[in-house]
Protein backbone atom coordinates (compact mmCIF):
# COMPACT_ATOMS: atom_id res chain seq x y z
CA MET A 1 87.57 86.56 111.49
CA ILE A 2 85.86 89.24 109.56
CA ARG A 3 82.62 87.86 109.45
CA VAL A 4 82.36 87.27 113.40
CA LEU A 5 83.42 91.51 113.43
CA ALA A 6 80.72 92.42 110.90
CA LEU A 7 78.11 90.19 113.07
CA SER A 8 79.41 92.40 116.00
CA LEU A 9 78.90 95.37 113.99
CA ILE A 10 75.32 94.71 113.29
CA ALA A 11 74.47 93.86 116.84
CA LEU A 12 75.87 97.03 118.05
CA LEU A 13 74.32 99.00 116.22
CA ALA A 14 71.12 97.71 117.17
CA ALA A 15 72.21 99.12 121.16
CA LEU A 16 72.81 102.88 120.01
CA PRO A 17 71.43 105.64 121.39
CA THR A 18 69.89 108.73 119.97
CA LEU A 19 69.09 111.92 120.19
CA ALA A 20 65.41 113.49 121.26
CA ASP A 21 64.64 113.56 117.28
CA GLU A 22 65.07 109.97 117.20
CA LYS A 23 68.69 110.83 114.92
CA PRO A 24 71.99 108.61 116.39
CA LEU A 25 74.41 110.26 118.60
CA PRO A 26 77.59 111.34 116.67
CA VAL A 27 81.16 109.64 117.95
CA VAL A 28 82.97 111.53 118.75
CA VAL A 29 86.91 110.88 118.09
CA PHE A 30 90.08 112.21 118.83
CA ALA A 31 92.54 111.30 116.81
CA GLY A 32 96.54 111.58 116.05
CA SER A 33 96.71 112.46 112.56
CA ALA A 34 99.20 109.75 111.82
CA SER A 35 96.45 108.05 110.23
CA GLN A 36 94.21 111.57 108.72
CA PRO A 37 93.78 110.45 105.33
CA PRO A 38 92.29 106.80 105.73
CA LEU A 39 90.19 107.67 109.48
CA GLU A 40 88.99 110.32 107.32
CA GLU A 41 87.64 108.27 104.22
CA ALA A 42 86.28 105.77 107.05
CA ALA A 43 84.43 108.00 108.64
CA ARG A 44 82.42 109.01 105.64
CA SER A 45 82.32 105.11 104.43
CA PHE A 46 80.80 104.40 108.48
CA GLU A 47 78.16 107.20 108.01
CA LYS A 48 76.97 106.02 104.87
CA LYS A 49 76.75 102.25 105.53
CA THR A 50 75.15 103.09 109.08
CA GLY A 51 73.57 106.47 109.20
CA ILE A 52 75.60 107.16 112.38
CA PRO A 53 77.63 110.53 111.89
CA VAL A 54 81.27 110.63 113.24
CA THR A 55 82.98 113.66 114.38
CA LEU A 56 86.91 113.57 113.98
CA HIS A 57 88.97 115.68 115.90
CA LEU A 58 92.36 115.44 114.46
CA GLY A 59 96.18 116.33 115.50
CA GLY A 60 99.12 115.87 117.47
CA SER A 61 98.34 112.52 119.82
CA GLY A 62 99.55 114.51 123.13
CA THR A 63 97.11 117.52 122.28
CA MET A 64 94.30 115.11 121.06
CA LEU A 65 94.72 113.22 124.68
CA SER A 66 94.79 116.87 126.37
CA GLN A 67 91.62 117.79 124.89
CA ILE A 68 90.13 114.38 125.84
CA ARG A 69 91.05 115.80 129.60
CA LEU A 70 90.02 119.49 129.80
CA THR A 71 86.82 119.14 127.96
CA GLY A 72 85.90 115.86 129.44
CA LYS A 73 84.43 114.80 126.05
CA GLY A 74 85.16 112.17 123.55
CA ASP A 75 83.98 108.36 122.88
CA LEU A 76 86.97 107.07 121.24
CA TYR A 77 90.51 107.86 121.19
CA ILE A 78 92.98 106.97 118.56
CA PRO A 79 96.61 107.65 118.77
CA GLY A 80 99.48 107.16 116.29
CA SER A 81 101.60 105.04 118.86
CA PRO A 82 101.19 103.11 121.77
CA ASP A 83 102.91 105.51 123.89
CA PHE A 84 100.00 107.78 124.05
CA LEU A 85 97.62 104.59 124.71
CA GLU A 86 99.58 103.92 127.45
CA LEU A 87 99.91 107.65 128.79
CA ALA A 88 96.37 108.02 127.91
CA ARG A 89 95.75 104.45 130.70
CA GLU A 90 98.13 106.34 132.90
CA GLN A 91 95.42 109.39 133.39
CA ASN A 92 92.54 106.83 133.50
CA LEU A 93 91.01 108.01 130.53
CA VAL A 94 90.38 105.35 128.24
CA GLU A 95 88.99 102.07 129.43
CA GLY A 96 88.90 98.70 127.98
CA GLU A 97 90.97 96.65 124.95
CA ALA A 98 92.44 98.29 122.18
CA LYS A 99 92.08 97.36 119.10
CA THR A 100 95.70 97.50 116.54
CA LEU A 101 94.47 99.23 112.97
CA ALA A 102 97.63 99.21 111.41
CA TYR A 103 101.41 99.76 112.04
CA LEU A 104 104.07 102.31 111.29
CA VAL A 105 107.39 102.70 110.05
CA PRO A 106 109.50 105.38 110.69
CA ALA A 107 111.43 106.62 107.14
CA ILE A 108 113.61 109.98 105.78
CA ILE A 109 110.73 111.53 103.75
CA VAL A 110 112.04 113.51 101.02
CA GLN A 111 111.17 115.34 97.41
CA ARG A 112 109.98 113.02 94.89
CA GLY A 113 112.94 112.01 92.94
CA ASN A 114 115.28 112.28 95.79
CA PRO A 115 117.07 115.72 94.26
CA LEU A 116 119.60 115.53 97.48
CA LYS A 117 120.23 112.21 97.04
CA ILE A 118 119.86 111.18 100.80
CA LYS A 119 120.45 107.83 100.71
CA GLY A 120 120.74 106.79 104.50
CA LEU A 121 120.46 108.24 108.46
CA GLU A 122 124.29 109.25 108.43
CA ASP A 123 122.99 111.74 105.63
CA LEU A 124 121.50 113.74 107.73
CA SER A 125 124.53 115.44 109.29
CA ARG A 126 125.46 116.56 106.36
CA PRO A 127 126.10 120.32 106.62
CA GLY A 128 123.07 122.85 105.32
CA LEU A 129 120.65 120.36 105.18
CA ARG A 130 117.17 121.26 106.55
CA ILE A 131 115.41 118.44 108.65
CA GLY A 132 112.08 118.65 109.44
CA ILE A 133 110.76 117.10 112.65
CA ALA A 134 107.34 117.47 114.99
CA ASP A 135 107.29 118.20 118.11
CA PRO A 136 108.59 114.95 120.52
CA ARG A 137 106.49 115.86 123.58
CA GLY A 138 103.11 115.59 122.19
CA VAL A 139 103.79 114.05 118.64
CA CYS A 140 104.42 110.43 117.93
CA VAL A 141 106.62 110.55 115.17
CA GLY A 142 108.26 113.67 116.56
CA LEU A 143 109.08 111.36 119.62
CA TYR A 144 109.73 107.94 117.25
CA ALA A 145 112.16 110.69 115.61
CA VAL A 146 114.54 111.36 119.01
CA GLU A 147 114.23 107.50 119.56
CA LEU A 148 115.63 106.77 116.50
CA LEU A 149 118.69 109.22 116.38
CA VAL A 150 119.86 108.47 119.91
CA ALA A 151 119.44 104.83 119.35
CA ASN A 152 121.81 105.23 116.14
CA GLY A 153 124.51 107.46 117.96
CA LEU A 154 123.50 110.55 115.46
CA GLU A 155 121.46 113.09 118.19
CA LYS A 156 124.52 115.53 118.39
CA LYS A 157 125.50 115.53 114.57
CA VAL A 158 121.61 115.59 113.15
CA ARG A 159 120.21 118.20 115.90
CA PRO A 160 122.20 121.51 114.65
CA ASN A 161 120.28 120.61 110.97
CA LEU A 162 116.86 120.59 112.40
CA ARG A 163 114.12 123.45 111.74
CA GLY A 164 111.82 123.77 114.29
CA GLN A 165 109.17 121.10 115.19
CA VAL A 166 105.40 120.75 114.46
CA GLU A 167 102.60 120.21 116.29
CA SER A 168 101.00 116.91 114.36
CA CYS A 169 101.89 114.70 111.76
CA ALA A 170 99.77 116.40 109.39
CA ARG A 171 101.94 119.15 109.42
CA ALA A 172 105.24 117.27 109.82
CA ALA A 173 104.09 115.56 106.40
CA SER A 174 103.34 118.89 105.09
CA MET A 175 106.74 120.42 105.36
CA ILE A 176 108.09 118.07 102.41
CA PRO A 177 105.48 119.72 99.48
CA LEU A 178 105.53 123.13 101.05
CA GLY A 179 109.61 123.15 100.56
CA THR A 180 109.76 124.23 104.13
CA VAL A 181 112.48 121.69 104.52
CA ASP A 182 114.58 119.58 102.39
CA VAL A 183 114.22 116.18 104.72
CA VAL A 184 111.54 115.09 107.41
CA LEU A 185 111.87 112.44 109.72
CA GLY A 186 108.50 110.87 109.15
CA TRP A 187 106.80 107.68 108.96
CA ARG A 188 107.00 105.69 105.54
CA GLU A 189 103.16 106.09 105.14
CA PHE A 190 103.33 109.46 104.28
CA GLU A 191 104.62 108.81 100.98
CA SER A 192 101.01 107.60 100.00
CA TRP A 193 99.27 110.91 101.18
CA ASN A 194 100.63 112.78 98.34
CA PRO A 195 103.17 110.59 95.91
CA GLU A 196 103.39 112.94 93.64
CA ALA A 197 105.50 115.50 96.04
CA MET A 198 107.29 113.05 98.34
CA GLU A 199 108.98 110.09 98.58
CA ALA A 200 110.08 107.54 101.66
CA ILE A 201 113.50 106.25 101.89
CA LEU A 202 113.15 103.27 104.16
CA LEU A 203 115.79 102.65 107.11
CA ARG A 204 118.31 99.53 107.09
CA PRO A 205 116.67 97.02 109.35
CA GLU A 206 119.43 97.57 111.93
CA GLN A 207 118.49 100.72 112.33
CA LEU A 208 115.02 100.62 113.26
CA PRO A 209 114.70 99.92 117.40
CA ARG A 210 110.95 100.10 117.15
CA LEU A 211 107.73 99.83 115.61
CA ALA A 212 104.76 101.65 115.89
CA PHE A 213 101.10 100.82 115.77
CA VAL A 214 97.61 102.76 115.86
CA PRO A 215 94.93 101.56 118.61
CA ALA A 216 91.87 102.70 118.87
CA VAL A 217 90.16 102.50 122.65
CA LYS A 218 87.08 103.65 124.11
CA VAL A 219 87.22 107.00 126.36
CA ARG A 220 86.12 106.44 130.12
CA GLY A 221 83.15 107.77 130.51
CA ALA A 222 81.75 108.17 126.84
CA ARG A 223 79.02 109.62 125.86
CA ASN A 224 78.19 107.03 123.09
CA PRO A 225 80.23 104.04 124.06
CA ALA A 226 78.40 101.97 121.53
CA GLY A 227 78.93 104.19 118.66
CA ALA A 228 82.33 103.89 119.63
CA GLU A 229 82.75 100.19 120.18
CA ALA A 230 80.66 99.99 116.45
CA PHE A 231 83.34 102.76 114.82
CA MET A 232 86.51 100.97 116.22
CA THR A 233 84.60 97.21 114.97
CA PHE A 234 84.23 98.87 111.70
CA LEU A 235 87.90 99.74 111.26
CA ALA A 236 89.20 96.48 112.26
CA SER A 237 86.70 94.91 109.62
CA GLY A 238 87.19 94.39 106.32
CA ASP A 239 85.97 97.50 105.18
CA GLY A 240 88.16 99.64 107.57
CA VAL A 241 91.04 97.15 106.54
CA GLU A 242 90.95 98.02 103.28
CA ILE A 243 90.77 101.74 103.77
CA PHE A 244 93.73 101.69 105.82
CA ARG A 245 95.28 99.11 103.11
CA LYS A 246 94.47 101.64 100.17
CA TRP A 247 96.29 104.57 102.26
CA GLY A 248 99.64 102.26 101.87
CA TYR A 249 99.12 101.31 105.55
CA LEU A 250 100.28 97.77 106.40
CA VAL A 251 97.69 96.05 108.77
CA ARG A 252 99.18 93.28 109.95
CA GLU A 253 102.51 92.12 112.13
CA SER A 254 103.58 89.65 109.34
CA ASP A 255 103.47 92.83 106.58
CA ILE A 256 106.01 94.88 108.91
CA ARG A 257 108.16 92.30 110.33
CA PRO A 258 110.74 92.23 107.08
CA LEU A 259 111.15 95.80 107.48
CA ALA A 260 112.79 95.18 110.76
CA PRO A 261 112.83 91.75 112.11
CA LYS A 262 114.52 93.10 115.53
CA ALA A 263 113.01 95.63 116.02
CA ARG A 264 110.43 96.38 119.18
CA ILE A 265 106.76 96.53 118.55
CA GLY A 266 104.77 98.74 121.02
CA GLY A 267 106.17 99.78 124.36
CA ILE A 268 106.79 103.21 124.83
CA TYR A 269 110.09 105.34 124.61
CA ARG A 270 110.54 107.84 127.33
CA LEU A 271 111.69 111.21 126.11
CA PRO A 272 115.47 112.30 127.48
CA ALA A 273 115.51 115.45 129.34
CA GLU A 274 117.28 117.62 127.11
CA TRP A 275 114.23 116.94 124.43
CA ARG A 276 111.47 118.34 126.74
């Protein structure tokens, strides 16, 4: 499979358009920051290997989708969950087959050493605990946080402890190192972004209704569709896979299944009206 992807990448590179001075057109990517560290490294590696620049726009998956819609720009969309991929398809903003780059697991994120001795989801209802989440209306990890609380009957008990809803996964992950909250309902993968400052507490398998994956898909009407395809192929190839692994991401369904054998992977969750 990796050999086939490598050969495909070579063929795609030969078809790339160029600017008037013969420089390759940049690949413009709008991406959820759920995969920010590996995407930034992959963009640098891709440009070094191919000479093709990658322009990354990072933020909440919903905000990035709005930017594509409002500006009419972009070659590749990489949201942090399948929910926003489906929304992009509903809005007719993307086309073609999506590639799955990695998987994401909801988890409780605390300070390194877990000073408050948080053991599980039920502890989040502890009076006085400061809990951070991302805005579920436009950020993948916030949407999964709400789904998690509702599925486990903890929404009413935990909601009084919530302290703001930030606008991206990156901002959610930063709340622990900055000390603005005690706990974040985030992705397991946040720990590898800053392992000296935070750690992930995994939930019991039966508490996880759904797991996420990071898809990549071409934007409809992309200025550089060949570049988008080439970067997608690179991300799904051996080099791209190793970068995601380096940052602590699970890249195969067989890797993620032991953490939640009965959880759905993919699909969408409609945010309850009281959270909108």
